[in-house]
Amino acid sequence: MAGRFQKSLARLLYKKNLEGSLSDSERELLKAIALDSLNIFAHYELAQTWHAMKRKKEAREQLKITLTIPDNDNQAAKIKHKAQEDLKHW
């Protein structure tokens, strides 16, 4: 549910649809991280994107970064839990 909300918010901010390629996703997530290095959602989604791109080492490193970001909202704990699970399986 939060993912849908965040995509809708991003569409409003970027004024475009976020459907696209993995490289589009990577580019936009790197921009988001450049704007806010503590954006836990962007770090986690970048890890997912890199994993889908078969860039496993980079994806794992991004998950590790995700786990170091301070909890700044109620979704952070959920994202960190998913990151921990992904690290076990990747």
N, C-alpha and C. Protein backbone atom coordinates (compact mmCIF):
# COMPACT_ATOMS: atom_id res chain seq x y z
N MET A 1 0.82 -1.19 0.00
CA MET A 1 0.00 0.00 0.00
C MET A 1 0.87 1.26 0.00
N ALA A 2 1.89 1.28 0.86
CA ALA A 2 2.77 2.45 0.92
C ALA A 2 3.47 2.65 -0.41
N GLY A 3 3.84 1.57 -1.09
CA GLY A 3 4.51 1.69 -2.38
C GLY A 3 3.64 2.42 -3.39
N ARG A 4 2.37 2.12 -3.41
CA ARG A 4 1.44 2.79 -4.32
C ARG A 4 1.35 4.28 -3.99
N PHE A 5 1.27 4.59 -2.71
CA PHE A 5 1.22 5.99 -2.29
C PHE A 5 2.48 6.72 -2.70
N GLN A 6 3.65 6.10 -2.47
CA GLN A 6 4.91 6.75 -2.79
C GLN A 6 5.06 6.94 -4.29
N LYS A 7 4.61 5.99 -5.10
CA LYS A 7 4.65 6.17 -6.54
C LYS A 7 3.75 7.31 -6.97
N SER A 8 2.58 7.41 -6.36
CA SER A 8 1.67 8.51 -6.69
C SER A 8 2.28 9.84 -6.32
N LEU A 9 2.90 9.90 -5.16
CA LEU A 9 3.56 11.13 -4.73
C LEU A 9 4.71 11.48 -5.68
N ALA A 10 5.48 10.48 -6.05
CA ALA A 10 6.60 10.71 -6.98
C ALA A 10 6.09 11.19 -8.33
N ARG A 11 4.96 10.64 -8.79
CA ARG A 11 4.39 11.10 -10.06
C ARG A 11 4.04 12.58 -9.98
N LEU A 12 3.50 12.99 -8.85
CA LEU A 12 3.16 14.40 -8.68
C LEU A 12 4.43 15.27 -8.67
N LEU A 13 5.45 14.81 -7.96
CA LEU A 13 6.68 15.58 -7.86
C LEU A 13 7.44 15.64 -9.18
N TYR A 14 7.52 14.51 -9.87
CA TYR A 14 8.27 14.46 -11.12
C TYR A 14 7.41 14.77 -12.34
N LYS A 15 6.08 14.84 -12.12
CA LYS A 15 5.12 15.13 -13.18
C LYS A 15 5.22 14.15 -14.35
N LYS A 16 5.45 12.88 -14.03
CA LYS A 16 5.46 11.86 -15.07
C LYS A 16 5.16 10.50 -14.47
N ASN A 17 4.82 9.58 -15.33
CA ASN A 17 4.55 8.21 -14.91
C ASN A 17 5.87 7.51 -14.64
N LEU A 18 5.94 6.72 -13.58
CA LEU A 18 7.17 6.06 -13.22
C LEU A 18 7.32 4.67 -13.81
N GLU A 19 6.44 4.28 -14.70
CA GLU A 19 6.60 2.99 -15.37
C GLU A 19 7.73 3.15 -16.37
N GLY A 20 8.62 2.18 -16.38
CA GLY A 20 9.73 2.27 -17.33
C GLY A 20 10.71 1.15 -17.13
N SER A 21 11.88 1.34 -17.68
CA SER A 21 12.90 0.31 -17.64
C SER A 21 13.64 0.31 -16.31
N LEU A 22 14.42 -0.74 -16.12
CA LEU A 22 15.24 -0.82 -14.90
C LEU A 22 16.27 0.32 -14.88
N SER A 23 16.79 0.67 -16.03
CA SER A 23 17.75 1.77 -16.05
C SER A 23 17.08 3.10 -15.70
N ASP A 24 15.82 3.26 -16.09
CA ASP A 24 15.06 4.45 -15.68
C ASP A 24 14.90 4.46 -14.17
N SER A 25 14.56 3.31 -13.62
CA SER A 25 14.39 3.18 -12.18
C SER A 25 15.70 3.52 -11.47
N GLU A 26 16.79 2.96 -11.96
CA GLU A 26 18.10 3.23 -11.35
C GLU A 26 18.40 4.73 -11.35
N ARG A 27 18.20 5.36 -12.49
CA ARG A 27 18.49 6.79 -12.62
C ARG A 27 17.67 7.62 -11.63
N GLU A 28 16.37 7.34 -11.55
CA GLU A 28 15.50 8.12 -10.67
C GLU A 28 15.81 7.87 -9.19
N LEU A 29 16.12 6.63 -8.86
CA LEU A 29 16.45 6.31 -7.46
C LEU A 29 17.77 6.95 -7.05
N LEU A 30 18.74 6.97 -7.94
CA LEU A 30 20.01 7.65 -7.63
C LEU A 30 19.79 9.15 -7.43
N LYS A 31 18.89 9.73 -8.22
CA LYS A 31 18.54 11.15 -8.03
C LYS A 31 17.90 11.36 -6.66
N ALA A 32 16.99 10.47 -6.30
CA ALA A 32 16.31 10.59 -5.01
C ALA A 32 17.31 10.49 -3.86
N ILE A 33 18.27 9.58 -3.98
CA ILE A 33 19.29 9.41 -2.94
C ILE A 33 20.21 10.62 -2.88
N ALA A 34 20.51 11.20 -4.04
CA ALA A 34 21.34 12.41 -4.07
C ALA A 34 20.64 13.56 -3.35
N LEU A 35 19.33 13.62 -3.47
CA LEU A 35 18.55 14.67 -2.80
C LEU A 35 18.39 14.41 -1.31
N ASP A 36 18.29 13.14 -0.94
CA ASP A 36 18.10 12.77 0.47
C ASP A 36 18.79 11.44 0.72
N SER A 37 20.01 11.50 1.22
CA SER A 37 20.80 10.29 1.43
C SER A 37 20.22 9.36 2.50
N LEU A 38 19.26 9.84 3.27
CA LEU A 38 18.62 9.02 4.30
C LEU A 38 17.27 8.46 3.86
N ASN A 39 17.00 8.53 2.57
CA ASN A 39 15.74 8.01 2.03
C ASN A 39 15.83 6.48 1.97
N ILE A 40 15.35 5.85 3.01
CA ILE A 40 15.47 4.40 3.14
C ILE A 40 14.73 3.66 2.02
N PHE A 41 13.60 4.19 1.63
CA PHE A 41 12.82 3.57 0.55
C PHE A 41 13.63 3.57 -0.75
N ALA A 42 14.28 4.69 -1.07
CA ALA A 42 15.06 4.79 -2.30
C ALA A 42 16.24 3.82 -2.28
N HIS A 43 16.91 3.72 -1.14
CA HIS A 43 18.03 2.78 -1.03
C HIS A 43 17.55 1.33 -1.23
N TYR A 44 16.46 0.99 -0.58
CA TYR A 44 15.94 -0.38 -0.70
C TYR A 44 15.50 -0.67 -2.14
N GLU A 45 14.79 0.25 -2.75
CA GLU A 45 14.33 0.04 -4.12
C GLU A 45 15.49 0.00 -5.10
N LEU A 46 16.56 0.76 -4.83
CA LEU A 46 17.75 0.68 -5.68
C LEU A 46 18.36 -0.71 -5.58
N ALA A 47 18.39 -1.27 -4.38
CA ALA A 47 18.88 -2.64 -4.22
C ALA A 47 18.03 -3.61 -5.03
N GLN A 48 16.72 -3.44 -4.98
CA GLN A 48 15.81 -4.31 -5.75
C GLN A 48 16.07 -4.16 -7.25
N THR A 49 16.26 -2.93 -7.68
CA THR A 49 16.52 -2.66 -9.10
C THR A 49 17.81 -3.32 -9.55
N TRP A 50 18.88 -3.12 -8.77
CA TRP A 50 20.16 -3.72 -9.13
C TRP A 50 20.09 -5.25 -9.10
N HIS A 51 19.34 -5.79 -8.17
CA HIS A 51 19.17 -7.24 -8.13
C HIS A 51 18.50 -7.73 -9.42
N ALA A 52 17.47 -7.03 -9.84
CA ALA A 52 16.78 -7.39 -11.08
C ALA A 52 17.69 -7.24 -12.30
N MET A 53 18.67 -6.34 -12.21
CA MET A 53 19.62 -6.12 -13.29
C MET A 53 20.80 -7.10 -13.21
N LYS A 54 20.72 -8.04 -12.28
CA LYS A 54 21.78 -9.05 -12.07
C LYS A 54 23.07 -8.43 -11.53
N ARG A 55 22.96 -7.29 -10.87
CA ARG A 55 24.11 -6.63 -10.26
C ARG A 55 24.07 -6.96 -8.76
N LYS A 56 24.29 -8.24 -8.48
CA LYS A 56 24.08 -8.79 -7.14
C LYS A 56 24.97 -8.14 -6.07
N LYS A 57 26.25 -7.95 -6.37
CA LYS A 57 27.16 -7.38 -5.37
C LYS A 57 26.71 -5.97 -4.98
N GLU A 58 26.39 -5.15 -5.98
CA GLU A 58 25.92 -3.80 -5.71
C GLU A 58 24.59 -3.81 -4.95
N ALA A 59 23.73 -4.75 -5.30
CA ALA A 59 22.43 -4.86 -4.63
C ALA A 59 22.63 -5.19 -3.15
N ARG A 60 23.51 -6.14 -2.86
CA ARG A 60 23.77 -6.50 -1.46
C ARG A 60 24.35 -5.32 -0.69
N GLU A 61 25.27 -4.59 -1.31
CA GLU A 61 25.86 -3.42 -0.64
C GLU A 61 24.78 -2.37 -0.33
N GLN A 62 23.85 -2.20 -1.27
CA GLN A 62 22.78 -1.23 -1.05
C GLN A 62 21.86 -1.68 0.08
N LEU A 63 21.63 -2.98 0.20
CA LEU A 63 20.82 -3.48 1.32
C LEU A 63 21.53 -3.21 2.64
N LYS A 64 22.84 -3.37 2.66
CA LYS A 64 23.61 -3.09 3.88
C LYS A 64 23.50 -1.61 4.25
N ILE A 65 23.54 -0.74 3.25
CA ILE A 65 23.37 0.70 3.51
C ILE A 65 21.97 0.95 4.07
N THR A 66 20.98 0.29 3.50
CA THR A 66 19.60 0.43 3.96
C THR A 66 19.49 0.14 5.46
N LEU A 67 20.20 -0.87 5.90
CA LEU A 67 20.13 -1.27 7.31
C LEU A 67 20.80 -0.27 8.25
N THR A 68 21.64 0.62 7.74
CA THR A 68 22.33 1.61 8.59
C THR A 68 21.56 2.91 8.73
N ILE A 69 20.53 3.09 7.93
CA ILE A 69 19.78 4.36 7.96
C ILE A 69 18.88 4.40 9.19
N PRO A 70 18.91 5.52 9.91
CA PRO A 70 18.07 5.64 11.11
C PRO A 70 16.58 5.54 10.77
N ASP A 71 15.82 4.94 11.68
CA ASP A 71 14.37 4.86 11.50
C ASP A 71 13.80 6.27 11.63
N ASN A 72 13.22 6.76 10.53
CA ASN A 72 12.65 8.11 10.57
C ASN A 72 11.14 8.13 10.35
N ASP A 73 10.56 6.95 10.15
CA ASP A 73 9.11 6.86 10.06
C ASP A 73 8.68 5.43 10.36
N ASN A 74 7.39 5.20 10.34
CA ASN A 74 6.88 3.88 10.72
C ASN A 74 7.14 2.80 9.67
N GLN A 75 7.52 3.18 8.48
CA GLN A 75 7.81 2.19 7.43
C GLN A 75 9.25 1.69 7.48
N ALA A 76 10.14 2.43 8.15
CA ALA A 76 11.56 2.08 8.15
C ALA A 76 11.82 0.69 8.72
N ALA A 77 11.16 0.34 9.79
CA ALA A 77 11.35 -0.99 10.40
C ALA A 77 10.92 -2.09 9.43
N LYS A 78 9.83 -1.87 8.72
CA LYS A 78 9.35 -2.86 7.75
C LYS A 78 10.35 -3.00 6.59
N ILE A 79 10.86 -1.89 6.12
CA ILE A 79 11.82 -1.93 5.02
C ILE A 79 13.10 -2.62 5.48
N LYS A 80 13.56 -2.32 6.69
CA LYS A 80 14.76 -2.96 7.21
C LYS A 80 14.57 -4.47 7.36
N HIS A 81 13.39 -4.87 7.79
CA HIS A 81 13.11 -6.31 7.90
C HIS A 81 13.19 -6.98 6.53
N LYS A 82 12.61 -6.34 5.51
CA LYS A 82 12.68 -6.89 4.16
C LYS A 82 14.12 -6.94 3.67
N ALA A 83 14.90 -5.91 3.98
CA ALA A 83 16.31 -5.87 3.57
C ALA A 83 17.09 -7.02 4.22
N GLN A 84 16.83 -7.26 5.50
CA GLN A 84 17.50 -8.37 6.19
C GLN A 84 17.14 -9.71 5.55
N GLU A 85 15.88 -9.88 5.22
CA GLU A 85 15.44 -11.12 4.58
C GLU A 85 16.09 -11.28 3.21
N ASP A 86 16.15 -10.21 2.45
CA ASP A 86 16.78 -10.27 1.13
C ASP A 86 18.26 -10.64 1.25
N LEU A 87 18.95 -10.07 2.21
CA LEU A 87 20.37 -10.39 2.40
C LEU A 87 20.57 -11.88 2.67
N LYS A 88 19.65 -12.49 3.38
CA LYS A 88 19.76 -13.93 3.66
C LYS A 88 19.63 -14.77 2.39
N HIS A 89 18.85 -14.30 1.43
CA HIS A 89 18.52 -15.10 0.25
C HIS A 89 19.30 -14.72 -1.00
N TRP A 90 20.00 -13.59 -0.98
CA TRP A 90 20.74 -13.16 -2.16
C TRP A 90 22.16 -13.61 -1.99
